[in-house]
Amino acid sequence: MSNNRQEVRPWSPEEEALLLALHDEGMTATELGERLGRSRHAVYGRLQRFRKQRGRVSRTNGRAFAQWSG
């Protein structure tokens, strides 16, 4: 069975921070993907994950997730 997807590469905290900063500046998912070397779909999926996490806190330490702390 063949899989045509590119190898999955985990997001680093630095990439996530850059993603959020550039998104806040108004870049589109396509532009972000080009800038970060990711597909538009990977960028969109990561942004969706952040939106779902907004307002949630860690079960282990009770603090807000780093992506959303001010």
PDB file of N, CA and C in Angstrom:
ATOM      1  N   MET A   1       0.851  -1.178   0.000  1.00  0.00           N
ATOM      2  CA  MET A   1       0.000   0.000   0.000  1.00  0.00           C
ATOM      3  C   MET A   1       0.892   1.236   0.000  1.00  0.00           C
ATOM      4  N   SER A   2       0.654   2.118  -0.915  1.00  0.00           N
ATOM      5  CA  SER A   2       1.463   3.324  -1.061  1.00  0.00           C
ATOM      6  C   SER A   2       0.745   4.520  -0.437  1.00  0.00           C
ATOM      7  N   ASN A   3       1.531   5.388   0.184  1.00  0.00           N
ATOM      8  CA  ASN A   3       0.985   6.601   0.776  1.00  0.00           C
ATOM      9  C   ASN A   3       1.723   7.777   0.160  1.00  0.00           C
ATOM     10  N   ASN A   4       1.004   8.657  -0.512  1.00  0.00           N
ATOM     11  CA  ASN A   4       1.626   9.784  -1.208  1.00  0.00           C
ATOM     12  C   ASN A   4       1.866  10.998  -0.326  1.00  0.00           C
ATOM     13  N   ARG A   5       1.466  10.933   0.929  1.00  0.00           N
ATOM     14  CA  ARG A   5       1.673  12.073   1.834  1.00  0.00           C
ATOM     15  C   ARG A   5       3.152  12.247   2.130  1.00  0.00           C
ATOM     16  N   GLN A   6       3.528  13.478   2.337  1.00  0.00           N
ATOM     17  CA  GLN A   6       4.897  13.747   2.753  1.00  0.00           C
ATOM     18  C   GLN A   6       5.071  13.271   4.180  1.00  0.00           C
ATOM     19  N   GLU A   7       6.299  13.067   4.566  1.00  0.00           N
ATOM     20  CA  GLU A   7       6.567  12.627   5.930  1.00  0.00           C
ATOM     21  C   GLU A   7       6.046  13.659   6.930  1.00  0.00           C
ATOM     22  N   VAL A   8       5.381  13.171   7.971  1.00  0.00           N
ATOM     23  CA  VAL A   8       4.833  14.051   8.994  1.00  0.00           C
ATOM     24  C   VAL A   8       5.969  14.569   9.859  1.00  0.00           C
ATOM     25  N   ARG A   9       6.005  15.881  10.034  1.00  0.00           N
ATOM     26  CA  ARG A   9       7.052  16.529  10.818  1.00  0.00           C
ATOM     27  C   ARG A   9       6.392  17.243  11.984  1.00  0.00           C
ATOM     28  N   PRO A  10       6.762  16.905  13.212  1.00  0.00           N
ATOM     29  CA  PRO A  10       6.146  17.568  14.365  1.00  0.00           C
ATOM     30  C   PRO A  10       6.437  19.069  14.376  1.00  0.00           C
ATOM     31  N   TRP A  11       5.512  19.821  14.966  1.00  0.00           N
ATOM     32  CA  TRP A  11       5.675  21.271  15.110  1.00  0.00           C
ATOM     33  C   TRP A  11       6.515  21.556  16.351  1.00  0.00           C
ATOM     34  N   SER A  12       7.523  22.386  16.210  1.00  0.00           N
ATOM     35  CA  SER A  12       8.313  22.813  17.362  1.00  0.00           C
ATOM     36  C   SER A  12       7.612  23.992  18.024  1.00  0.00           C
ATOM     37  N   PRO A  13       7.903  24.238  19.297  1.00  0.00           N
ATOM     38  CA  PRO A  13       7.321  25.413  19.963  1.00  0.00           C
ATOM     39  C   PRO A  13       7.671  26.723  19.247  1.00  0.00           C
ATOM     40  N   GLU A  14       8.871  26.790  18.685  1.00  0.00           N
ATOM     41  CA  GLU A  14       9.286  28.001  17.967  1.00  0.00           C
ATOM     42  C   GLU A  14       8.455  28.193  16.705  1.00  0.00           C
ATOM     43  N   GLU A  15       8.203  27.088  15.978  1.00  0.00           N
ATOM     44  CA  GLU A  15       7.374  27.178  14.778  1.00  0.00           C
ATOM     45  C   GLU A  15       5.947  27.591  15.129  1.00  0.00           C
ATOM     46  N   GLU A  16       5.430  27.045  16.215  1.00  0.00           N
ATOM     47  CA  GLU A  16       4.078  27.396  16.640  1.00  0.00           C
ATOM     48  C   GLU A  16       3.986  28.873  17.001  1.00  0.00           C
ATOM     49  N   ALA A  17       4.987  29.381  17.694  1.00  0.00           N
ATOM     50  CA  ALA A  17       4.988  30.799  18.065  1.00  0.00           C
ATOM     51  C   ALA A  17       5.043  31.676  16.822  1.00  0.00           C
ATOM     52  N   LEU A  18       5.888  31.298  15.849  1.00  0.00           N
ATOM     53  CA  LEU A  18       5.987  32.063  14.607  1.00  0.00           C
ATOM     54  C   LEU A  18       4.672  31.981  13.827  1.00  0.00           C
ATOM     55  N   LEU A  19       4.082  30.805  13.787  1.00  0.00           N
ATOM     56  CA  LEU A  19       2.793  30.631  13.119  1.00  0.00           C
ATOM     57  C   LEU A  19       1.750  31.588  13.684  1.00  0.00           C
ATOM     58  N   LEU A  20       1.643  31.621  14.999  1.00  0.00           N
ATOM     59  CA  LEU A  20       0.644  32.487  15.626  1.00  0.00           C
ATOM     60  C   LEU A  20       0.954  33.963  15.410  1.00  0.00           C
ATOM     61  N   ALA A  21       2.230  34.333  15.488  1.00  0.00           N
ATOM     62  CA  ALA A  21       2.610  35.734  15.293  1.00  0.00           C
ATOM     63  C   ALA A  21       2.291  36.186  13.860  1.00  0.00           C
ATOM     64  N   LEU A  22       2.640  35.365  12.883  1.00  0.00           N
ATOM     65  CA  LEU A  22       2.395  35.728  11.488  1.00  0.00           C
ATOM     66  C   LEU A  22       0.896  35.705  11.174  1.00  0.00           C
ATOM     67  N   HIS A  23       0.181  34.788  11.783  1.00  0.00           N
ATOM     68  CA  HIS A  23      -1.275  34.746  11.587  1.00  0.00           C
ATOM     69  C   HIS A  23      -1.914  36.010  12.145  1.00  0.00           C
ATOM     70  N   ASP A  24      -1.429  36.469  13.297  1.00  0.00           N
ATOM     71  CA  ASP A  24      -1.951  37.706  13.892  1.00  0.00           C
ATOM     72  C   ASP A  24      -1.674  38.919  13.009  1.00  0.00           C
ATOM     73  N   GLU A  25      -0.624  38.829  12.175  1.00  0.00           N
ATOM     74  CA  GLU A  25      -0.310  39.913  11.244  1.00  0.00           C
ATOM     75  C   GLU A  25      -1.187  39.868   9.999  1.00  0.00           C
ATOM     76  N   GLY A  26      -1.985  38.791   9.867  1.00  0.00           N
ATOM     77  CA  GLY A  26      -2.936  38.733   8.761  1.00  0.00           C
ATOM     78  C   GLY A  26      -2.541  37.834   7.603  1.00  0.00           C
ATOM     79  N   MET A  27      -1.494  37.037   7.757  1.00  0.00           N
ATOM     80  CA  MET A  27      -1.092  36.147   6.670  1.00  0.00           C
ATOM     81  C   MET A  27      -2.119  35.036   6.503  1.00  0.00           C
ATOM     82  N   THR A  28      -2.317  34.604   5.263  1.00  0.00           N
ATOM     83  CA  THR A  28      -3.242  33.509   4.970  1.00  0.00           C
ATOM     84  C   THR A  28      -2.560  32.176   5.234  1.00  0.00           C
ATOM     85  N   ALA A  29      -3.356  31.106   5.272  1.00  0.00           N
ATOM     86  CA  ALA A  29      -2.807  29.768   5.492  1.00  0.00           C
ATOM     87  C   ALA A  29      -1.826  29.399   4.379  1.00  0.00           C
ATOM     88  N   THR A  30      -2.116  29.795   3.152  1.00  0.00           N
ATOM     89  CA  THR A  30      -1.210  29.515   2.034  1.00  0.00           C
ATOM     90  C   THR A  30       0.115  30.239   2.225  1.00  0.00           C
ATOM     91  N   GLU A  31       0.060  31.513   2.588  1.00  0.00           N
ATOM     92  CA  GLU A  31       1.279  32.296   2.819  1.00  0.00           C
ATOM     93  C   GLU A  31       2.072  31.727   3.995  1.00  0.00           C
ATOM     94  N   LEU A  32       1.361  31.358   5.052  1.00  0.00           N
ATOM     95  CA  LEU A  32       2.029  30.777   6.222  1.00  0.00           C
ATOM     96  C   LEU A  32       2.710  29.475   5.860  1.00  0.00           C
ATOM     97  N   GLY A  33       2.041  28.647   5.080  1.00  0.00           N
ATOM     98  CA  GLY A  33       2.619  27.381   4.661  1.00  0.00           C
ATOM     99  C   GLY A  33       3.893  27.569   3.860  1.00  0.00           C
ATOM    100  N   GLU A  34       3.870  28.517   2.940  1.00  0.00           N
ATOM    101  CA  GLU A  34       5.065  28.804   2.148  1.00  0.00           C
ATOM    102  C   GLU A  34       6.203  29.290   3.041  1.00  0.00           C
ATOM    103  N   ARG A  35       5.889  30.146   3.981  1.00  0.00           N
ATOM    104  CA  ARG A  35       6.897  30.720   4.874  1.00  0.00           C
ATOM    105  C   ARG A  35       7.502  29.663   5.801  1.00  0.00           C
ATOM    106  N   LEU A  36       6.653  28.727   6.267  1.00  0.00           N
ATOM    107  CA  LEU A  36       7.088  27.737   7.245  1.00  0.00           C
ATOM    108  C   LEU A  36       7.489  26.394   6.629  1.00  0.00           C
ATOM    109  N   GLY A  37       7.356  26.267   5.314  1.00  0.00           N
ATOM    110  CA  GLY A  37       7.692  25.005   4.668  1.00  0.00           C
ATOM    111  C   GLY A  37       6.702  23.898   5.004  1.00  0.00           C
ATOM    112  N   ARG A  38       5.435  24.276   5.143  1.00  0.00           N
ATOM    113  CA  ARG A  38       4.350  23.343   5.473  1.00  0.00           C
ATOM    114  C   ARG A  38       3.248  23.493   4.436  1.00  0.00           C
ATOM    115  N   SER A  39       2.387  22.502   4.374  1.00  0.00           N
ATOM    116  CA  SER A  39       1.250  22.616   3.463  1.00  0.00           C
ATOM    117  C   SER A  39       0.211  23.565   4.064  1.00  0.00           C
ATOM    118  N   ARG A  40      -0.631  24.083   3.194  1.00  0.00           N
ATOM    119  CA  ARG A  40      -1.727  24.948   3.641  1.00  0.00           C
ATOM    120  C   ARG A  40      -2.625  24.184   4.604  1.00  0.00           C
ATOM    121  N   HIS A  41      -2.822  22.899   4.322  1.00  0.00           N
ATOM    122  CA  HIS A  41      -3.677  22.079   5.175  1.00  0.00           C
ATOM    123  C   HIS A  41      -3.055  21.850   6.553  1.00  0.00           C
ATOM    124  N   ALA A  42      -1.739  21.696   6.613  1.00  0.00           N
ATOM    125  CA  ALA A  42      -1.064  21.527   7.900  1.00  0.00           C
ATOM    126  C   ALA A  42      -1.208  22.788   8.743  1.00  0.00           C
ATOM    127  N   VAL A  43      -1.055  23.933   8.107  1.00  0.00           N
ATOM    128  CA  VAL A  43      -1.190  25.213   8.805  1.00  0.00           C
ATOM    129  C   VAL A  43      -2.618  25.388   9.304  1.00  0.00           C
ATOM    130  N   TYR A  44      -3.575  25.138   8.437  1.00  0.00           N
ATOM    131  CA  TYR A  44      -4.977  25.292   8.817  1.00  0.00           C
ATOM    132  C   TYR A  44      -5.322  24.362   9.980  1.00  0.00           C
ATOM    133  N   GLY A  45      -4.857  23.127   9.919  1.00  0.00           N
ATOM    134  CA  GLY A  45      -5.122  22.172  10.987  1.00  0.00           C
ATOM    135  C   GLY A  45      -4.527  22.604  12.312  1.00  0.00           C
ATOM    136  N   ARG A  46      -3.314  23.157  12.266  1.00  0.00           N
ATOM    137  CA  ARG A  46      -2.683  23.613  13.505  1.00  0.00           C
ATOM    138  C   ARG A  46      -3.428  24.805  14.091  1.00  0.00           C
ATOM    139  N   LEU A  47      -3.853  25.717  13.249  1.00  0.00           N
ATOM    140  CA  LEU A  47      -4.623  26.865  13.728  1.00  0.00           C
ATOM    141  C   LEU A  47      -5.946  26.410  14.340  1.00  0.00           C
ATOM    142  N   GLN A  48      -6.583  25.416  13.733  1.00  0.00           N
ATOM    143  CA  GLN A  48      -7.829  24.884  14.288  1.00  0.00           C
ATOM    144  C   GLN A  48      -7.587  24.285  15.670  1.00  0.00           C
ATOM    145  N   ARG A  49      -6.483  23.584  15.833  1.00  0.00           N
ATOM    146  CA  ARG A  49      -6.155  22.991  17.133  1.00  0.00           C
ATOM    147  C   ARG A  49      -5.986  24.086  18.182  1.00  0.00           C
ATOM    148  N   PHE A  50      -5.323  25.179  17.830  1.00  0.00           N
ATOM    149  CA  PHE A  50      -5.152  26.284  18.773  1.00  0.00           C
ATOM    150  C   PHE A  50      -6.492  26.910  19.150  1.00  0.00           C
ATOM    151  N   ARG A  51      -7.372  27.045  18.176  1.00  0.00           N
ATOM    152  CA  ARG A  51      -8.693  27.616  18.464  1.00  0.00           C
ATOM    153  C   ARG A  51      -9.460  26.740  19.452  1.00  0.00           C
ATOM    154  N   LYS A  52      -9.341  25.433  19.303  1.00  0.00           N
ATOM    155  CA  LYS A  52     -10.024  24.513  20.214  1.00  0.00           C
ATOM    156  C   LYS A  52      -9.425  24.572  21.611  1.00  0.00           C
ATOM    157  N   GLN A  53      -8.121  24.835  21.700  1.00  0.00           N
ATOM    158  CA  GLN A  53      -7.442  24.874  22.998  1.00  0.00           C
ATOM    159  C   GLN A  53      -7.677  26.182  23.745  1.00  0.00           C
ATOM    160  N   ARG A  54      -8.103  27.210  23.039  1.00  0.00           N
ATOM    161  CA  ARG A  54      -8.272  28.528  23.670  1.00  0.00           C
ATOM    162  C   ARG A  54      -9.171  28.412  24.903  1.00  0.00           C
ATOM    163  N   GLY A  55      -8.700  28.928  25.990  1.00  0.00           N
ATOM    164  CA  GLY A  55      -9.475  28.910  27.212  1.00  0.00           C
ATOM    165  C   GLY A  55      -9.272  27.658  28.044  1.00  0.00           C
ATOM    166  N   ARG A  56      -8.609  26.656  27.499  1.00  0.00           N
ATOM    167  CA  ARG A  56      -8.375  25.437  28.257  1.00  0.00           C
ATOM    168  C   ARG A  56      -7.111  25.585  29.082  1.00  0.00           C
ATOM    169  N   VAL A  57      -7.039  24.823  30.142  1.00  0.00           N
ATOM    170  CA  VAL A  57      -5.842  24.834  30.975  1.00  0.00           C
ATOM    171  C   VAL A  57      -5.282  23.418  31.054  1.00  0.00           C
ATOM    172  N   SER A  58      -4.024  23.328  31.354  1.00  0.00           N
ATOM    173  CA  SER A  58      -3.361  22.042  31.485  1.00  0.00           C
ATOM    174  C   SER A  58      -3.913  21.289  32.690  1.00  0.00           C
ATOM    175  N   ARG A  59      -4.131  19.999  32.504  1.00  0.00           N
ATOM    176  CA  ARG A  59      -4.586  19.183  33.623  1.00  0.00           C
ATOM    177  C   ARG A  59      -3.461  18.923  34.628  1.00  0.00           C
ATOM    178  N   THR A  60      -2.221  18.993  34.154  1.00  0.00           N
ATOM    179  CA  THR A  60      -1.103  18.665  35.045  1.00  0.00           C
ATOM    180  C   THR A  60      -0.672  19.826  35.925  1.00  0.00           C
ATOM    181  N   ASN A  61      -0.713  21.058  35.390  1.00  0.00           N
ATOM    182  CA  ASN A  61      -0.223  22.164  36.214  1.00  0.00           C
ATOM    183  C   ASN A  61      -1.231  23.291  36.410  1.00  0.00           C
ATOM    184  N   GLY A  62      -2.402  23.192  35.796  1.00  0.00           N
ATOM    185  CA  GLY A  62      -3.451  24.186  36.012  1.00  0.00           C
ATOM    186  C   GLY A  62      -3.230  25.527  35.351  1.00  0.00           C
ATOM    187  N   ARG A  63      -2.190  25.638  34.518  1.00  0.00           N
ATOM    188  CA  ARG A  63      -1.919  26.906  33.836  1.00  0.00           C
ATOM    189  C   ARG A  63      -2.459  26.869  32.416  1.00  0.00           C
ATOM    190  N   ALA A  64      -2.645  28.060  31.847  1.00  0.00           N
ATOM    191  CA  ALA A  64      -3.097  28.151  30.456  1.00  0.00           C
ATOM    192  C   ALA A  64      -2.008  27.622  29.540  1.00  0.00           C
ATOM    193  N   PHE A  65      -2.414  27.078  28.414  1.00  0.00           N
ATOM    194  CA  PHE A  65      -1.438  26.605  27.431  1.00  0.00           C
ATOM    195  C   PHE A  65      -0.567  27.760  26.971  1.00  0.00           C
ATOM    196  N   ALA A  66       0.687  27.472  26.711  1.00  0.00           N
ATOM    197  CA  ALA A  66       1.673  28.504  26.375  1.00  0.00           C
ATOM    198  C   ALA A  66       1.258  29.333  25.164  1.00  0.00           C
ATOM    199  N   GLN A  67       0.593  28.714  24.197  1.00  0.00           N
ATOM    200  CA  GLN A  67       0.198  29.429  22.987  1.00  0.00           C
ATOM    201  C   GLN A  67      -0.746  30.575  23.273  1.00  0.00           C
ATOM    202  N   TRP A  68      -1.485  30.494  24.370  1.00  0.00           N
ATOM    203  CA  TRP A  68      -2.518  31.480  24.634  1.00  0.00           C
ATOM    204  C   TRP A  68      -2.257  32.329  25.855  1.00  0.00           C
ATOM    205  N   SER A  69      -1.142  32.103  26.515  1.00  0.00           N
ATOM    206  CA  SER A  69      -0.862  32.938  27.693  1.00  0.00           C
ATOM    207  C   SER A  69      -0.289  34.264  27.216  1.00  0.00           C
ATOM    208  N   GLY A  70      -0.659  35.314  27.878  1.00  0.00           N
ATOM    209  CA  GLY A  70      -0.278  36.648  27.439  1.00  0.00           C
ATOM    210  C   GLY A  70       0.981  37.091  28.030  1.00  0.00           C
TER     211      GLY A  70
END
